[in-house]
Amino acid sequence: MFNYKREHGFSIVDLLIAIAIVGIISTASIPSLKGWSRNYNMQSAAMDLYTHMQIAKLGAIKENKSWTINFNSGGVLSYQVIHKVNNVDTVVKTVDFSTQYKGEIQYGDPTATKTYPANSLISFTPNGLSDTGYAYISNKSKSSYYRVGMLYATGSIKIEKWNGTQWK
């Protein structure tokens, strides 16, 4: 019998083929990853705004004073949570869309051309209600929309997503 030496492992050709397959798959998946990232940023921005509205609502109830959320203060695409301390406005939180979300988030309503002018407000009264309604946000490509706010009568803050025909 002949005694052949058998080697185990991968040849260089096997490795090159595997690397080529991984490259093709990753190239094909990049557009869907970008879309996922855009949707994640939108959902994150909506959740952040929801959280800050809850902070303003609960702060107004706790301190028995009005709290506000000021949109586009100073012409910057942002919002600030504000309450008064000794009759002086105190900023609790500032969210700048250009730094926090890399400029991908903006204000926008799919059912109107409505945007928020400088110094638009949502105010929460000491009983935790607001008669202002909703804040509308979208991504730069305007492919996704959220609205965050409350109806005056209910008192609960909601996040709703636009599905193309209605808010859900």
C-alpha atoms as a PDB file:
ATOM      1  CA  MET A   1       0.000   0.000   0.000  1.00  0.00           C
ATOM      2  CA  PHE A   2       1.056   3.503  -0.753  1.00  0.00           C
ATOM      3  CA  ASN A   3       1.266   5.889   2.118  1.00  0.00           C
ATOM      4  CA  TYR A   4      -0.002   9.333   1.093  1.00  0.00           C
ATOM      5  CA  LYS A   5       0.303  12.294   3.370  1.00  0.00           C
ATOM      6  CA  ARG A   6      -3.122  13.968   3.646  1.00  0.00           C
ATOM      7  CA  GLU A   7      -3.294  17.594   4.670  1.00  0.00           C
ATOM      8  CA  HIS A   8      -6.337  19.087   6.354  1.00  0.00           C
ATOM      9  CA  GLY A   9      -7.550  22.668   6.010  1.00  0.00           C
ATOM     10  CA  PHE A  10      -8.496  25.167   3.342  1.00  0.00           C
ATOM     11  CA  SER A  11      -6.585  26.039   0.235  1.00  0.00           C
ATOM     12  CA  ILE A  12      -6.022  29.642  -0.809  1.00  0.00           C
ATOM     13  CA  VAL A  13      -8.639  29.204  -3.545  1.00  0.00           C
ATOM     14  CA  ASP A  14     -11.224  28.089  -0.974  1.00  0.00           C
ATOM     15  CA  LEU A  15     -10.506  31.180   1.141  1.00  0.00           C
ATOM     16  CA  LEU A  16     -10.730  33.547  -1.855  1.00  0.00           C
ATOM     17  CA  ILE A  17     -14.090  32.075  -2.871  1.00  0.00           C
ATOM     18  CA  ALA A  18     -15.422  32.471   0.688  1.00  0.00           C
ATOM     19  CA  ILE A  19     -14.227  36.096   0.859  1.00  0.00           C
ATOM     20  CA  ALA A  20     -15.847  36.849  -2.524  1.00  0.00           C
ATOM     21  CA  ILE A  21     -19.186  35.380  -1.363  1.00  0.00           C
ATOM     22  CA  VAL A  22     -19.099  37.420   1.873  1.00  0.00           C
ATOM     23  CA  GLY A  23     -18.286  40.558  -0.141  1.00  0.00           C
ATOM     24  CA  ILE A  24     -21.211  40.033  -2.516  1.00  0.00           C
ATOM     25  CA  ILE A  25     -23.652  39.407   0.343  1.00  0.00           C
ATOM     26  CA  SER A  26     -22.481  42.450   2.314  1.00  0.00           C
ATOM     27  CA  THR A  27     -22.691  44.687  -0.771  1.00  0.00           C
ATOM     28  CA  ALA A  28     -26.256  43.551  -1.382  1.00  0.00           C
ATOM     29  CA  SER A  29     -27.296  44.151   2.233  1.00  0.00           C
ATOM     30  CA  ILE A  30     -25.949  47.730   2.665  1.00  0.00           C
ATOM     31  CA  PRO A  31     -29.078  49.505   1.293  1.00  0.00           C
ATOM     32  CA  SER A  32     -31.366  47.618   3.670  1.00  0.00           C
ATOM     33  CA  LEU A  33     -29.053  48.407   6.605  1.00  0.00           C
ATOM     34  CA  LYS A  34     -29.206  52.121   5.739  1.00  0.00           C
ATOM     35  CA  GLY A  35     -33.003  51.955   5.671  1.00  0.00           C
ATOM     36  CA  TRP A  36     -33.040  50.171   9.005  1.00  0.00           C
ATOM     37  CA  SER A  37     -30.736  52.810  10.466  1.00  0.00           C
ATOM     38  CA  ARG A  38     -32.998  55.627   9.198  1.00  0.00           C
ATOM     39  CA  ASN A  39     -36.064  53.983  10.746  1.00  0.00           C
ATOM     40  CA  TYR A  40     -34.200  53.383  14.000  1.00  0.00           C
ATOM     41  CA  ASN A  41     -33.227  57.089  14.186  1.00  0.00           C
ATOM     42  CA  MET A  42     -36.859  58.130  13.606  1.00  0.00           C
ATOM     43  CA  GLN A  43     -38.148  55.789  16.275  1.00  0.00           C
ATOM     44  CA  SER A  44     -35.425  56.930  18.668  1.00  0.00           C
ATOM     45  CA  ALA A  45     -36.245  60.619  18.080  1.00  0.00           C
ATOM     46  CA  ALA A  46     -39.966  59.971  18.648  1.00  0.00           C
ATOM     47  CA  MET A  47     -39.241  58.057  21.878  1.00  0.00           C
ATOM     48  CA  ASP A  48     -36.930  60.838  23.099  1.00  0.00           C
ATOM     49  CA  LEU A  49     -39.574  63.496  22.439  1.00  0.00           C
ATOM     50  CA  TYR A  50     -42.177  61.327  24.178  1.00  0.00           C
ATOM     51  CA  THR A  51     -39.894  60.949  27.211  1.00  0.00           C
ATOM     52  CA  HIS A  52     -39.212  64.676  27.384  1.00  0.00           C
ATOM     53  CA  MET A  53     -42.920  65.447  27.135  1.00  0.00           C
ATOM     54  CA  GLN A  54     -43.529  63.056  30.027  1.00  0.00           C
ATOM     55  CA  ILE A  55     -40.812  64.838  32.027  1.00  0.00           C
ATOM     56  CA  ALA A  56     -42.464  68.210  31.323  1.00  0.00           C
ATOM     57  CA  LYS A  57     -45.935  66.903  32.193  1.00  0.00           C
ATOM     58  CA  LEU A  58     -44.824  65.272  35.445  1.00  0.00           C
ATOM     59  CA  GLY A  59     -42.672  68.282  36.363  1.00  0.00           C
ATOM     60  CA  ALA A  60     -45.679  70.580  35.914  1.00  0.00           C
ATOM     61  CA  ILE A  61     -47.795  68.372  38.172  1.00  0.00           C
ATOM     62  CA  LYS A  62     -45.077  67.948  40.814  1.00  0.00           C
ATOM     63  CA  GLU A  63     -44.160  71.639  41.041  1.00  0.00           C
ATOM     64  CA  ASN A  64     -47.712  72.905  40.402  1.00  0.00           C
ATOM     65  CA  LYS A  65     -46.278  75.247  37.722  1.00  0.00           C
ATOM     66  CA  SER A  66     -46.415  75.286  33.945  1.00  0.00           C
ATOM     67  CA  TRP A  67     -43.604  73.586  32.017  1.00  0.00           C
ATOM     68  CA  THR A  68     -43.052  74.098  28.301  1.00  0.00           C
ATOM     69  CA  ILE A  69     -41.291  72.501  25.376  1.00  0.00           C
ATOM     70  CA  ASN A  70     -39.884  75.204  23.111  1.00  0.00           C
ATOM     71  CA  PHE A  71     -39.320  74.135  19.494  1.00  0.00           C
ATOM     72  CA  ASN A  72     -36.652  75.741  17.276  1.00  0.00           C
ATOM     73  CA  SER A  73     -35.390  78.113  19.930  1.00  0.00           C
ATOM     74  CA  GLY A  74     -33.082  80.659  18.322  1.00  0.00           C
ATOM     75  CA  GLY A  75     -33.807  79.258  14.846  1.00  0.00           C
ATOM     76  CA  VAL A  76     -31.925  76.003  15.575  1.00  0.00           C
ATOM     77  CA  LEU A  77     -33.634  72.721  14.617  1.00  0.00           C
ATOM     78  CA  SER A  78     -34.099  71.520  18.203  1.00  0.00           C
ATOM     79  CA  TYR A  79     -36.339  71.603  21.248  1.00  0.00           C
ATOM     80  CA  GLN A  80     -35.873  72.514  24.903  1.00  0.00           C
ATOM     81  CA  VAL A  81     -37.740  71.431  28.028  1.00  0.00           C
ATOM     82  CA  ILE A  82     -38.166  74.549  30.181  1.00  0.00           C
ATOM     83  CA  HIS A  83     -39.603  75.356  33.595  1.00  0.00           C
ATOM     84  CA  LYS A  84     -39.553  78.482  35.696  1.00  0.00           C
ATOM     85  CA  VAL A  85     -37.475  78.764  38.849  1.00  0.00           C
ATOM     86  CA  ASN A  86     -38.000  82.050  40.731  1.00  0.00           C
ATOM     87  CA  ASN A  87     -39.673  83.489  37.588  1.00  0.00           C
ATOM     88  CA  VAL A  88     -36.609  82.679  35.458  1.00  0.00           C
ATOM     89  CA  ASP A  89     -36.797  80.168  32.592  1.00  0.00           C
ATOM     90  CA  THR A  90     -34.563  77.193  33.373  1.00  0.00           C
ATOM     91  CA  VAL A  91     -33.653  74.743  30.606  1.00  0.00           C
ATOM     92  CA  VAL A  92     -33.929  71.148  31.833  1.00  0.00           C
ATOM     93  CA  LYS A  93     -32.989  69.444  28.560  1.00  0.00           C
ATOM     94  CA  THR A  94     -31.966  70.540  25.064  1.00  0.00           C
ATOM     95  CA  VAL A  95     -32.107  68.224  22.057  1.00  0.00           C
ATOM     96  CA  ASP A  96     -30.365  69.506  18.919  1.00  0.00           C
ATOM     97  CA  PHE A  97     -31.388  67.421  15.895  1.00  0.00           C
ATOM     98  CA  SER A  98     -28.206  68.206  13.950  1.00  0.00           C
ATOM     99  CA  THR A  99     -25.923  66.734  16.626  1.00  0.00           C
ATOM    100  CA  GLN A 100     -28.129  64.130  18.311  1.00  0.00           C
ATOM    101  CA  TYR A 101     -29.481  62.540  15.118  1.00  0.00           C
ATOM    102  CA  LYS A 102     -26.813  63.629  12.614  1.00  0.00           C
ATOM    103  CA  GLY A 103     -29.228  66.007  10.900  1.00  0.00           C
ATOM    104  CA  GLU A 104     -31.527  63.185   9.778  1.00  0.00           C
ATOM    105  CA  ILE A 105     -34.569  64.341  11.796  1.00  0.00           C
ATOM    106  CA  GLN A 106     -36.715  67.375  11.054  1.00  0.00           C
ATOM    107  CA  TYR A 107     -40.184  68.659  11.855  1.00  0.00           C
ATOM    108  CA  GLY A 108     -42.831  67.707   9.334  1.00  0.00           C
ATOM    109  CA  ASP A 109     -46.470  66.681   9.026  1.00  0.00           C
ATOM    110  CA  PRO A 110     -47.452  64.417   6.091  1.00  0.00           C
ATOM    111  CA  THR A 111     -50.964  65.863   5.942  1.00  0.00           C
ATOM    112  CA  ALA A 112     -49.880  69.529   5.722  1.00  0.00           C
ATOM    113  CA  THR A 113     -46.945  71.728   4.865  1.00  0.00           C
ATOM    114  CA  LYS A 114     -46.857  72.712   8.527  1.00  0.00           C
ATOM    115  CA  THR A 115     -43.487  73.247  10.162  1.00  0.00           C
ATOM    116  CA  TYR A 116     -42.631  74.721  13.520  1.00  0.00           C
ATOM    117  CA  PRO A 117     -41.587  78.347  13.402  1.00  0.00           C
ATOM    118  CA  ALA A 118     -39.023  79.612  15.869  1.00  0.00           C
ATOM    119  CA  ASN A 119     -40.169  79.523  19.479  1.00  0.00           C
ATOM    120  CA  SER A 120     -43.275  77.335  19.012  1.00  0.00           C
ATOM    121  CA  LEU A 121     -44.410  75.934  22.351  1.00  0.00           C
ATOM    122  CA  ILE A 122     -46.196  73.006  23.879  1.00  0.00           C
ATOM    123  CA  SER A 123     -47.185  73.972  27.414  1.00  0.00           C
ATOM    124  CA  PHE A 124     -48.201  71.664  30.238  1.00  0.00           C
ATOM    125  CA  THR A 125     -50.423  73.164  32.916  1.00  0.00           C
ATOM    126  CA  PRO A 126     -50.112  72.302  36.626  1.00  0.00           C
ATOM    127  CA  ASN A 127     -52.856  69.691  36.195  1.00  0.00           C
ATOM    128  CA  GLY A 128     -50.724  67.904  33.550  1.00  0.00           C
ATOM    129  CA  LEU A 129     -52.804  68.813  30.518  1.00  0.00           C
ATOM    130  CA  SER A 130     -51.893  70.628  27.315  1.00  0.00           C
ATOM    131  CA  ASP A 131     -54.196  72.250  24.792  1.00  0.00           C
ATOM    132  CA  THR A 132     -51.469  72.471  22.142  1.00  0.00           C
ATOM    133  CA  GLY A 133     -51.765  69.004  20.596  1.00  0.00           C
ATOM    134  CA  TYR A 134     -48.982  67.240  18.730  1.00  0.00           C
ATOM    135  CA  ALA A 135     -45.416  67.729  17.532  1.00  0.00           C
ATOM    136  CA  TYR A 136     -44.714  66.172  14.112  1.00  0.00           C
ATOM    137  CA  ILE A 137     -41.300  64.823  13.118  1.00  0.00           C
ATOM    138  CA  SER A 138     -39.991  63.134   9.979  1.00  0.00           C
ATOM    139  CA  ASN A 139     -36.724  62.016   8.459  1.00  0.00           C
ATOM    140  CA  LYS A 140     -34.949  64.067   5.781  1.00  0.00           C
ATOM    141  CA  SER A 141     -36.214  61.819   2.978  1.00  0.00           C
ATOM    142  CA  LYS A 142     -39.796  62.267   4.304  1.00  0.00           C
ATOM    143  CA  SER A 143     -40.360  58.527   4.133  1.00  0.00           C
ATOM    144  CA  SER A 144     -41.384  58.153   7.779  1.00  0.00           C
ATOM    145  CA  TYR A 145     -43.462  60.349  10.096  1.00  0.00           C
ATOM    146  CA  TYR A 146     -44.289  60.301  13.805  1.00  0.00           C
ATOM    147  CA  ARG A 147     -46.437  62.557  15.909  1.00  0.00           C
ATOM    148  CA  VAL A 148     -46.040  62.875  19.646  1.00  0.00           C
ATOM    149  CA  GLY A 149     -48.449  64.655  21.952  1.00  0.00           C
ATOM    150  CA  MET A 150     -51.835  64.473  23.577  1.00  0.00           C
ATOM    151  CA  LEU A 151     -55.426  65.338  23.061  1.00  0.00           C
ATOM    152  CA  TYR A 152     -56.487  67.894  25.650  1.00  0.00           C
ATOM    153  CA  ALA A 153     -59.283  65.799  27.140  1.00  0.00           C
ATOM    154  CA  THR A 154     -57.350  62.563  27.673  1.00  0.00           C
ATOM    155  CA  GLY A 155     -54.195  63.725  29.427  1.00  0.00           C
ATOM    156  CA  SER A 156     -52.106  60.831  28.112  1.00  0.00           C
ATOM    157  CA  ILE A 157     -49.164  61.429  25.788  1.00  0.00           C
ATOM    158  CA  LYS A 158     -49.133  59.214  22.696  1.00  0.00           C
ATOM    159  CA  ILE A 159     -46.724  58.305  19.923  1.00  0.00           C
ATOM    160  CA  GLU A 160     -48.340  57.589  16.586  1.00  0.00           C
ATOM    161  CA  LYS A 161     -46.786  56.598  13.260  1.00  0.00           C
ATOM    162  CA  TRP A 162     -48.134  57.630   9.873  1.00  0.00           C
ATOM    163  CA  ASN A 163     -48.879  54.557   7.753  1.00  0.00           C
ATOM    164  CA  GLY A 164     -49.591  56.487   4.564  1.00  0.00           C
ATOM    165  CA  THR A 165     -53.298  57.072   5.160  1.00  0.00           C
ATOM    166  CA  GLN A 166     -53.787  57.462   8.910  1.00  0.00           C
ATOM    167  CA  TRP A 167     -52.056  57.732  12.283  1.00  0.00           C
ATOM    168  CA  LYS A 168     -51.645  54.455  14.175  1.00  0.00           C
END
